[in-house]
Amino acid sequence: MEPGAGVLLFLAGVAGSAVNAVAGGGTFFTFPALLAVGVPPVAANASNAVALWPGYILSALGFGREIASLKDRLLRSSLLALAGGLLGAWLLLHVGNTRFLQLVPLLLFFATLLFALGPKITAQVGPAGPLLGGVAELAIATYGGFFNAGLGILLMAGLALTGVQQLHQQNGLKNLLSAVINSVAVISFLLAGVVRWPETLAVLAGAVIGGYGGAVLARRIPARWLRQGVVGLGFLLSLYYAVRVYL
C-alpha cells in the first residue's frame, strides 16, 4: 500500500467514525475510499465491514440494560440476524467483483435514500404479524451481510414493524443485531481470505480517533447539518459511480 493511500484511508476512517458517532453514514466515507485506492469491490466491502466491526460491538455493550429488557425476543431476533448475515455474506462472496461493482451505484443510492428518509420511515411503520415481521428481519439482516450502509435505519424500521416501539429499546436491539450481523459476515470474510489487511488497519486506526472526535463534534455541530452533508455526499457518490460504471 502506498503512503498516500494509507493517509487517505486513515482520514476516511477518522471522518467516517466521527460522523457515525453523531449522525451515522460513515460508510459513505470509508467504502468509496477503499475503492479509490484500488481495493477490488468485494474486498473493499469486506474490509470495510471488518473496520467497522469493533464499533458495533462497543455500541451493543453500551445498551445492555435496554437489550436485557427485551429478553423474550432476543433469541428469535438474534437467530434471524445470524441467518441473514450469513446469507448476505455468502451472496457477496459469490456475486463477483464485476457484478458487485455494477450494483454499487444502486446500493449507494438506496442507502442514501434510507439515510435521508430514515426518520420518516421509522415514524410511519406500525406493528405487523409475526410471520411478516420475521420475513422483514431476515431480509434486512441479509442486506446487512451483503452491504452495510443504511442497515441501522432498516433495523429500526424492522423493529418498529415487529412491535418494538420504545426508542431506547429500538436502539439497543438495533445495535445488538447489527453486531450479530456484522460479526458473522466478518467471520465469513476472514475465512474466505478476502480482507485486505493493510487498508483495513489504516481505516481502523483512523476510526479509533474519529470515534473520540465524534463525541466532541456532537457538542459543537448540530446532527441535522451533518446528516444533510452525508446525504449530499451520498447522492454525489451515487452519481459518480453511476457515470463510472454505466457510461
C-alpha atoms as a PDB file:
ATOM      1  CA  MET A   1       0.000   0.000   0.000  1.00  0.00           C
ATOM      2  CA  GLU A   2       1.362   3.415  -0.980  1.00  0.00           C
ATOM      3  CA  PRO A   3       1.832   6.012   1.804  1.00  0.00           C
ATOM      4  CA  GLY A   4      -0.656   8.356   0.147  1.00  0.00           C
ATOM      5  CA  ALA A   5      -3.285   5.630   0.084  1.00  0.00           C
ATOM      6  CA  GLY A   6      -2.675   4.935   3.764  1.00  0.00           C
ATOM      7  CA  VAL A   7      -3.187   8.602   4.619  1.00  0.00           C
ATOM      8  CA  LEU A   8      -6.414   8.756   2.588  1.00  0.00           C
ATOM      9  CA  LEU A   9      -7.793   5.649   4.301  1.00  0.00           C
ATOM     10  CA  PHE A  10      -6.774   6.903   7.727  1.00  0.00           C
ATOM     11  CA  LEU A  11      -8.559  10.220   7.114  1.00  0.00           C
ATOM     12  CA  ALA A  12     -11.610   8.385   5.766  1.00  0.00           C
ATOM     13  CA  GLY A  13     -11.653   6.317   8.963  1.00  0.00           C
ATOM     14  CA  VAL A  14     -11.466   9.469  11.080  1.00  0.00           C
ATOM     15  CA  ALA A  15     -14.272  11.159   9.133  1.00  0.00           C
ATOM     16  CA  GLY A  16     -16.465   8.074   8.928  1.00  0.00           C
ATOM     17  CA  SER A  17     -16.212   7.221  12.611  1.00  0.00           C
ATOM     18  CA  ALA A  18     -16.733  10.833  13.693  1.00  0.00           C
ATOM     19  CA  VAL A  19     -19.856  11.161  11.543  1.00  0.00           C
ATOM     20  CA  ASN A  20     -21.115   7.775  12.762  1.00  0.00           C
ATOM     21  CA  ALA A  21     -20.873   8.977  16.347  1.00  0.00           C
ATOM     22  CA  VAL A  22     -23.090  11.980  15.612  1.00  0.00           C
ATOM     23  CA  ALA A  23     -25.442  11.195  12.743  1.00  0.00           C
ATOM     24  CA  GLY A  24     -24.478   7.888  11.095  1.00  0.00           C
ATOM     25  CA  GLY A  25     -23.434   7.361   7.489  1.00  0.00           C
ATOM     26  CA  GLY A  26     -19.736   6.639   7.988  1.00  0.00           C
ATOM     27  CA  THR A  27     -19.726   4.014   5.222  1.00  0.00           C
ATOM     28  CA  PHE A  28     -20.135   6.823   2.683  1.00  0.00           C
ATOM     29  CA  PHE A  29     -16.577   7.868   3.591  1.00  0.00           C
ATOM     30  CA  THR A  30     -14.806   4.553   4.166  1.00  0.00           C
ATOM     31  CA  PHE A  31     -16.139   2.307   1.385  1.00  0.00           C
ATOM     32  CA  PRO A  32     -15.501   4.757  -1.503  1.00  0.00           C
ATOM     33  CA  ALA A  33     -12.039   5.474  -0.074  1.00  0.00           C
ATOM     34  CA  LEU A  34     -11.184   1.771  -0.215  1.00  0.00           C
ATOM     35  CA  LEU A  35     -12.364   1.645  -3.827  1.00  0.00           C
ATOM     36  CA  ALA A  36     -10.379   4.796  -4.624  1.00  0.00           C
ATOM     37  CA  VAL A  37      -7.064   3.253  -3.538  1.00  0.00           C
ATOM     38  CA  GLY A  38      -7.602   0.243  -5.773  1.00  0.00           C
ATOM     39  CA  VAL A  39      -9.145  -2.353  -3.472  1.00  0.00           C
ATOM     40  CA  PRO A  40     -11.454  -4.609  -5.553  1.00  0.00           C
ATOM     41  CA  PRO A  41     -15.174  -4.028  -4.833  1.00  0.00           C
ATOM     42  CA  VAL A  42     -15.887  -7.247  -2.916  1.00  0.00           C
ATOM     43  CA  ALA A  43     -12.680  -6.952  -0.882  1.00  0.00           C
ATOM     44  CA  ALA A  44     -13.437  -3.262  -0.230  1.00  0.00           C
ATOM     45  CA  ASN A  45     -16.863  -4.117   1.148  1.00  0.00           C
ATOM     46  CA  ALA A  46     -15.458  -6.954   3.270  1.00  0.00           C
ATOM     47  CA  SER A  47     -12.583  -4.819   4.562  1.00  0.00           C
ATOM     48  CA  ASN A  48     -14.995  -2.020   5.381  1.00  0.00           C
ATOM     49  CA  ALA A  49     -17.111  -4.450   7.424  1.00  0.00           C
ATOM     50  CA  VAL A  50     -14.049  -5.560   9.406  1.00  0.00           C
ATOM     51  CA  ALA A  51     -13.005  -1.958  10.078  1.00  0.00           C
ATOM     52  CA  LEU A  52     -16.493  -1.091  11.371  1.00  0.00           C
ATOM     53  CA  TRP A  53     -16.912  -4.260  13.447  1.00  0.00           C
ATOM     54  CA  PRO A  54     -15.432  -3.044  16.786  1.00  0.00           C
ATOM     55  CA  GLY A  55     -17.791  -0.080  16.798  1.00  0.00           C
ATOM     56  CA  TYR A  56     -20.835  -2.344  16.576  1.00  0.00           C
ATOM     57  CA  ILE A  57     -19.626  -4.461  19.491  1.00  0.00           C
ATOM     58  CA  LEU A  58     -18.964  -1.427  21.697  1.00  0.00           C
ATOM     59  CA  SER A  59     -22.318   0.127  20.796  1.00  0.00           C
ATOM     60  CA  ALA A  60     -24.152  -3.071  21.740  1.00  0.00           C
ATOM     61  CA  LEU A  61     -22.361  -3.238  25.100  1.00  0.00           C
ATOM     62  CA  GLY A  62     -23.461   0.316  25.830  1.00  0.00           C
ATOM     63  CA  PHE A  63     -27.147  -0.688  25.623  1.00  0.00           C
ATOM     64  CA  GLY A  64     -27.030  -3.712  27.929  1.00  0.00           C
ATOM     65  CA  ARG A  65     -29.993  -2.631  30.070  1.00  0.00           C
ATOM     66  CA  GLU A  66     -32.263  -1.933  27.111  1.00  0.00           C
ATOM     67  CA  ILE A  67     -31.290  -5.211  25.449  1.00  0.00           C
ATOM     68  CA  ALA A  68     -31.983  -7.181  28.645  1.00  0.00           C
ATOM     69  CA  SER A  69     -35.490  -5.690  28.811  1.00  0.00           C
ATOM     70  CA  LEU A  70     -36.301  -7.463  25.525  1.00  0.00           C
ATOM     71  CA  LYS A  71     -35.130 -10.917  26.634  1.00  0.00           C
ATOM     72  CA  ASP A  72     -38.350 -12.582  25.420  1.00  0.00           C
ATOM     73  CA  ARG A  73     -37.467 -11.902  21.784  1.00  0.00           C
ATOM     74  CA  LEU A  74     -33.662 -11.865  21.853  1.00  0.00           C
ATOM     75  CA  LEU A  75     -33.189 -15.477  20.739  1.00  0.00           C
ATOM     76  CA  ARG A  76     -35.598 -15.230  17.788  1.00  0.00           C
ATOM     77  CA  SER A  77     -34.236 -11.916  16.525  1.00  0.00           C
ATOM     78  CA  SER A  78     -30.613 -12.979  17.039  1.00  0.00           C
ATOM     79  CA  LEU A  79     -31.123 -16.232  15.108  1.00  0.00           C
ATOM     80  CA  LEU A  80     -32.739 -14.348  12.223  1.00  0.00           C
ATOM     81  CA  ALA A  81     -29.852 -11.864  12.266  1.00  0.00           C
ATOM     82  CA  LEU A  82     -27.356 -14.728  12.280  1.00  0.00           C
ATOM     83  CA  ALA A  83     -29.027 -16.492   9.348  1.00  0.00           C
ATOM     84  CA  GLY A  84     -29.470 -13.308   7.325  1.00  0.00           C
ATOM     85  CA  GLY A  85     -25.921 -12.110   7.980  1.00  0.00           C
ATOM     86  CA  LEU A  86     -24.509 -15.436   6.812  1.00  0.00           C
ATOM     87  CA  LEU A  87     -26.705 -15.436   3.703  1.00  0.00           C
ATOM     88  CA  GLY A  88     -25.767 -11.857   2.825  1.00  0.00           C
ATOM     89  CA  ALA A  89     -22.047 -12.550   3.267  1.00  0.00           C
ATOM     90  CA  TRP A  90     -22.363 -15.697   1.131  1.00  0.00           C
ATOM     91  CA  LEU A  91     -24.090 -13.717  -1.614  1.00  0.00           C
ATOM     92  CA  LEU A  92     -21.350 -11.066  -1.545  1.00  0.00           C
ATOM     93  CA  LEU A  93     -18.586 -13.664  -1.781  1.00  0.00           C
ATOM     94  CA  HIS A  94     -20.266 -15.361  -4.745  1.00  0.00           C
ATOM     95  CA  VAL A  95     -21.525 -12.370  -6.731  1.00  0.00           C
ATOM     96  CA  GLY A  96     -18.048 -11.499  -8.072  1.00  0.00           C
ATOM     97  CA  ASN A  97     -16.282  -8.143  -8.437  1.00  0.00           C
ATOM     98  CA  THR A  98     -17.740  -7.240 -11.829  1.00  0.00           C
ATOM     99  CA  ARG A  99     -21.367  -7.787 -10.858  1.00  0.00           C
ATOM    100  CA  PHE A 100     -20.904  -6.212  -7.432  1.00  0.00           C
ATOM    101  CA  LEU A 101     -19.363  -3.095  -8.991  1.00  0.00           C
ATOM    102  CA  GLN A 102     -22.450  -2.813 -11.206  1.00  0.00           C
ATOM    103  CA  LEU A 103     -24.573  -2.833  -8.045  1.00  0.00           C
ATOM    104  CA  VAL A 104     -22.506  -0.207  -6.201  1.00  0.00           C
ATOM    105  CA  PRO A 105     -24.288   2.893  -7.626  1.00  0.00           C
ATOM    106  CA  LEU A 106     -27.694   1.370  -6.851  1.00  0.00           C
ATOM    107  CA  LEU A 107     -26.646   0.291  -3.356  1.00  0.00           C
ATOM    108  CA  LEU A 108     -25.214   3.726  -2.560  1.00  0.00           C
ATOM    109  CA  PHE A 109     -28.330   5.443  -3.900  1.00  0.00           C
ATOM    110  CA  PHE A 110     -30.609   3.137  -1.891  1.00  0.00           C
ATOM    111  CA  ALA A 111     -28.560   3.696   1.254  1.00  0.00           C
ATOM    112  CA  THR A 112     -28.636   7.467   0.698  1.00  0.00           C
ATOM    113  CA  LEU A 113     -32.427   7.430   0.358  1.00  0.00           C
ATOM    114  CA  LEU A 114     -32.661   5.384   3.550  1.00  0.00           C
ATOM    115  CA  PHE A 115     -30.433   7.847   5.343  1.00  0.00           C
ATOM    116  CA  ALA A 116     -32.388  10.858   4.057  1.00  0.00           C
ATOM    117  CA  LEU A 117     -35.829   9.401   4.790  1.00  0.00           C
ATOM    118  CA  GLY A 118     -34.906   7.345   7.853  1.00  0.00           C
ATOM    119  CA  PRO A 119     -36.799   9.357  10.497  1.00  0.00           C
ATOM    120  CA  LYS A 120     -39.973   9.376   8.379  1.00  0.00           C
ATOM    121  CA  ILE A 121     -39.683   5.651   7.641  1.00  0.00           C
ATOM    122  CA  THR A 122     -39.318   4.623  11.276  1.00  0.00           C
ATOM    123  CA  ALA A 123     -42.059   7.031  12.404  1.00  0.00           C
ATOM    124  CA  GLN A 124     -44.643   5.668   9.970  1.00  0.00           C
ATOM    125  CA  VAL A 125     -44.040   1.927  10.389  1.00  0.00           C
ATOM    126  CA  GLY A 126     -46.592   0.132  12.552  1.00  0.00           C
ATOM    127  CA  PRO A 127     -46.702  -3.343  14.107  1.00  0.00           C
ATOM    128  CA  ALA A 128     -47.202  -6.368  11.843  1.00  0.00           C
ATOM    129  CA  GLY A 129     -47.821 -10.066  12.416  1.00  0.00           C
ATOM    130  CA  PRO A 130     -45.017 -12.429  13.479  1.00  0.00           C
ATOM    131  CA  LEU A 131     -44.652 -14.014  10.027  1.00  0.00           C
ATOM    132  CA  LEU A 132     -44.299 -10.730   8.137  1.00  0.00           C
ATOM    133  CA  GLY A 133     -42.080  -9.371  10.891  1.00  0.00           C
ATOM    134  CA  GLY A 134     -39.803 -12.414  10.739  1.00  0.00           C
ATOM    135  CA  VAL A 135     -39.508 -12.199   6.959  1.00  0.00           C
ATOM    136  CA  ALA A 136     -38.651  -8.495   7.258  1.00  0.00           C
ATOM    137  CA  GLU A 137     -35.979  -9.159   9.904  1.00  0.00           C
ATOM    138  CA  LEU A 138     -34.395 -11.908   7.791  1.00  0.00           C
ATOM    139  CA  ALA A 139     -34.411  -9.741   4.648  1.00  0.00           C
ATOM    140  CA  ILE A 140     -32.869  -6.784   6.499  1.00  0.00           C
ATOM    141  CA  ALA A 141     -30.159  -8.988   8.007  1.00  0.00           C
ATOM    142  CA  THR A 142     -29.371 -10.404   4.555  1.00  0.00           C
ATOM    143  CA  TYR A 143     -28.961  -6.873   3.216  1.00  0.00           C
ATOM    144  CA  GLY A 144     -26.679  -6.060   6.151  1.00  0.00           C
ATOM    145  CA  GLY A 145     -24.440  -9.053   5.498  1.00  0.00           C
ATOM    146  CA  PHE A 146     -24.230  -8.087   1.822  1.00  0.00           C
ATOM    147  CA  PHE A 147     -23.827  -4.299   2.099  1.00  0.00           C
ATOM    148  CA  ASN A 148     -23.786  -2.475   5.398  1.00  0.00           C
ATOM    149  CA  ALA A 149     -24.747   1.107   4.533  1.00  0.00           C
ATOM    150  CA  GLY A 150     -28.179   2.089   5.856  1.00  0.00           C
ATOM    151  CA  LEU A 151     -28.524  -1.068   7.955  1.00  0.00           C
ATOM    152  CA  GLY A 152     -29.282   0.808  11.166  1.00  0.00           C
ATOM    153  CA  ILE A 153     -32.235   2.626   9.619  1.00  0.00           C
ATOM    154  CA  LEU A 154     -33.641  -0.590   8.167  1.00  0.00           C
ATOM    155  CA  LEU A 155     -33.282  -2.348  11.521  1.00  0.00           C
ATOM    156  CA  MET A 156     -35.077   0.477  13.343  1.00  0.00           C
ATOM    157  CA  ALA A 157     -37.955   0.231  10.862  1.00  0.00           C
ATOM    158  CA  GLY A 158     -37.989  -3.563  11.116  1.00  0.00           C
ATOM    159  CA  LEU A 159     -38.114  -3.459  14.906  1.00  0.00           C
ATOM    160  CA  ALA A 160     -40.991  -0.980  14.807  1.00  0.00           C
ATOM    161  CA  LEU A 161     -42.729  -3.387  12.426  1.00  0.00           C
ATOM    162  CA  THR A 162     -42.342  -6.219  14.938  1.00  0.00           C
ATOM    163  CA  GLY A 163     -43.699  -4.234  17.875  1.00  0.00           C
ATOM    164  CA  VAL A 164     -40.644  -2.605  19.487  1.00  0.00           C
ATOM    165  CA  GLN A 165     -41.847   0.989  19.776  1.00  0.00           C
ATOM    166  CA  GLN A 166     -39.762   2.403  22.648  1.00  0.00           C
ATOM    167  CA  LEU A 167     -36.835   4.363  21.154  1.00  0.00           C
ATOM    168  CA  HIS A 168     -34.108   3.255  23.574  1.00  0.00           C
ATOM    169  CA  GLN A 169     -35.171  -0.378  23.204  1.00  0.00           C
ATOM    170  CA  GLN A 170     -35.077   0.033  19.420  1.00  0.00           C
ATOM    171  CA  ASN A 171     -31.566   1.471  19.621  1.00  0.00           C
ATOM    172  CA  GLY A 172     -30.369  -1.236  21.975  1.00  0.00           C
ATOM    173  CA  LEU A 173     -31.701  -4.148  19.934  1.00  0.00           C
ATOM    174  CA  LYS A 174     -30.611  -2.467  16.696  1.00  0.00           C
ATOM    175  CA  ASN A 175     -27.034  -2.319  17.988  1.00  0.00           C
ATOM    176  CA  LEU A 176     -27.121  -5.936  19.162  1.00  0.00           C
ATOM    177  CA  LEU A 177     -28.491  -7.203  15.839  1.00  0.00           C
ATOM    178  CA  SER A 178     -26.003  -5.043  13.923  1.00  0.00           C
ATOM    179  CA  ALA A 179     -23.222  -6.645  15.962  1.00  0.00           C
ATOM    180  CA  VAL A 180     -24.537 -10.154  15.237  1.00  0.00           C
ATOM    181  CA  ILE A 181     -24.969  -9.490  11.507  1.00  0.00           C
ATOM    182  CA  ASN A 182     -21.578  -7.835  11.165  1.00  0.00           C
ATOM    183  CA  SER A 183     -19.819 -10.481  13.282  1.00  0.00           C
ATOM    184  CA  VAL A 184     -20.980 -13.448  11.201  1.00  0.00           C
ATOM    185  CA  ALA A 185     -20.269 -11.532   7.993  1.00  0.00           C
ATOM    186  CA  VAL A 186     -16.770 -10.631   9.197  1.00  0.00           C
ATOM    187  CA  ILE A 187     -16.036 -14.249  10.149  1.00  0.00           C
ATOM    188  CA  SER A 188     -17.190 -15.336   6.678  1.00  0.00           C
ATOM    189  CA  PHE A 189     -14.945 -12.746   5.013  1.00  0.00           C
ATOM    190  CA  LEU A 190     -11.956 -13.728   7.151  1.00  0.00           C
ATOM    191  CA  LEU A 191     -12.402 -17.413   6.363  1.00  0.00           C
ATOM    192  CA  ALA A 192     -12.698 -16.589   2.657  1.00  0.00           C
ATOM    193  CA  GLY A 193      -9.461 -14.582   2.793  1.00  0.00           C
ATOM    194  CA  VAL A 194     -10.872 -11.513   1.024  1.00  0.00           C
ATOM    195  CA  VAL A 195      -9.957  -8.905   3.656  1.00  0.00           C
ATOM    196  CA  ARG A 196      -7.152  -6.506   2.662  1.00  0.00           C
ATOM    197  CA  TRP A 197      -5.402  -6.060   5.997  1.00  0.00           C
ATOM    198  CA  PRO A 198      -3.096  -3.051   5.373  1.00  0.00           C
ATOM    199  CA  GLU A 199      -6.012  -0.983   4.077  1.00  0.00           C
ATOM    200  CA  THR A 200      -8.372  -2.264   6.782  1.00  0.00           C
ATOM    201  CA  LEU A 201      -5.962  -1.386   9.591  1.00  0.00           C
ATOM    202  CA  ALA A 202      -5.447   2.113   8.165  1.00  0.00           C
ATOM    203  CA  VAL A 203      -9.215   2.733   8.250  1.00  0.00           C
ATOM    204  CA  LEU A 204      -9.498   1.176  11.699  1.00  0.00           C
ATOM    205  CA  ALA A 205      -6.704   3.355  13.112  1.00  0.00           C
ATOM    206  CA  GLY A 206      -8.491   6.455  11.874  1.00  0.00           C
ATOM    207  CA  ALA A 207     -11.810   5.193  13.208  1.00  0.00           C
ATOM    208  CA  VAL A 208     -10.423   4.965  16.747  1.00  0.00           C
ATOM    209  CA  ILE A 209      -9.503   8.644  16.682  1.00  0.00           C
ATOM    210  CA  GLY A 210     -12.663   9.621  14.834  1.00  0.00           C
ATOM    211  CA  GLY A 211     -14.872   7.914  17.391  1.00  0.00           C
ATOM    212  CA  TYR A 212     -13.448  10.065  20.155  1.00  0.00           C
ATOM    213  CA  GLY A 213     -13.542  13.168  17.982  1.00  0.00           C
ATOM    214  CA  GLY A 214     -17.165  12.472  17.137  1.00  0.00           C
ATOM    215  CA  ALA A 215     -18.136  12.889  20.770  1.00  0.00           C
ATOM    216  CA  VAL A 216     -16.540  16.332  20.740  1.00  0.00           C
ATOM    217  CA  LEU A 217     -18.130  17.116  17.377  1.00  0.00           C
ATOM    218  CA  ALA A 218     -21.555  16.173  18.695  1.00  0.00           C
ATOM    219  CA  ARG A 219     -21.376  19.023  21.185  1.00  0.00           C
ATOM    220  CA  ARG A 220     -20.444  21.616  18.574  1.00  0.00           C
ATOM    221  CA  ILE A 221     -22.259  20.804  15.324  1.00  0.00           C
ATOM    222  CA  PRO A 222     -25.995  20.047  15.033  1.00  0.00           C
ATOM    223  CA  ALA A 223     -26.602  16.470  13.907  1.00  0.00           C
ATOM    224  CA  ARG A 224     -29.080  17.791  11.305  1.00  0.00           C
ATOM    225  CA  TRP A 225     -26.286  19.645   9.494  1.00  0.00           C
ATOM    226  CA  LEU A 226     -24.106  16.558   9.411  1.00  0.00           C
ATOM    227  CA  ARG A 227     -26.992  14.406   8.173  1.00  0.00           C
ATOM    228  CA  GLN A 228     -27.612  16.844   5.326  1.00  0.00           C
ATOM    229  CA  GLY A 229     -23.915  16.779   4.446  1.00  0.00           C
ATOM    230  CA  VAL A 230     -23.833  12.978   4.427  1.00  0.00           C
ATOM    231  CA  VAL A 231     -26.952  12.841   2.229  1.00  0.00           C
ATOM    232  CA  GLY A 232     -25.348  15.273  -0.216  1.00  0.00           C
ATOM    233  CA  LEU A 233     -22.163  13.204  -0.283  1.00  0.00           C
ATOM    234  CA  GLY A 234     -24.183  10.022  -0.799  1.00  0.00           C
ATOM    235  CA  PHE A 235     -26.007  11.393  -3.821  1.00  0.00           C
ATOM    236  CA  LEU A 236     -22.759  12.714  -5.328  1.00  0.00           C
ATOM    237  CA  LEU A 237     -21.070   9.337  -4.869  1.00  0.00           C
ATOM    238  CA  SER A 238     -24.081   7.554  -6.363  1.00  0.00           C
ATOM    239  CA  LEU A 239     -23.906   9.809  -9.419  1.00  0.00           C
ATOM    240  CA  TYR A 240     -20.127   9.426  -9.726  1.00  0.00           C
ATOM    241  CA  TYR A 241     -20.230   5.634  -9.641  1.00  0.00           C
ATOM    242  CA  ALA A 242     -23.252   5.530 -11.955  1.00  0.00           C
ATOM    243  CA  VAL A 243     -21.299   7.517 -14.559  1.00  0.00           C
ATOM    244  CA  ARG A 244     -18.176   5.410 -13.986  1.00  0.00           C
ATOM    245  CA  VAL A 245     -19.935   2.044 -14.159  1.00  0.00           C
ATOM    246  CA  TYR A 246     -22.774   2.562 -16.617  1.00  0.00           C
ATOM    247  CA  LEU A 247     -21.400   5.099 -19.122  1.00  0.00           C
END
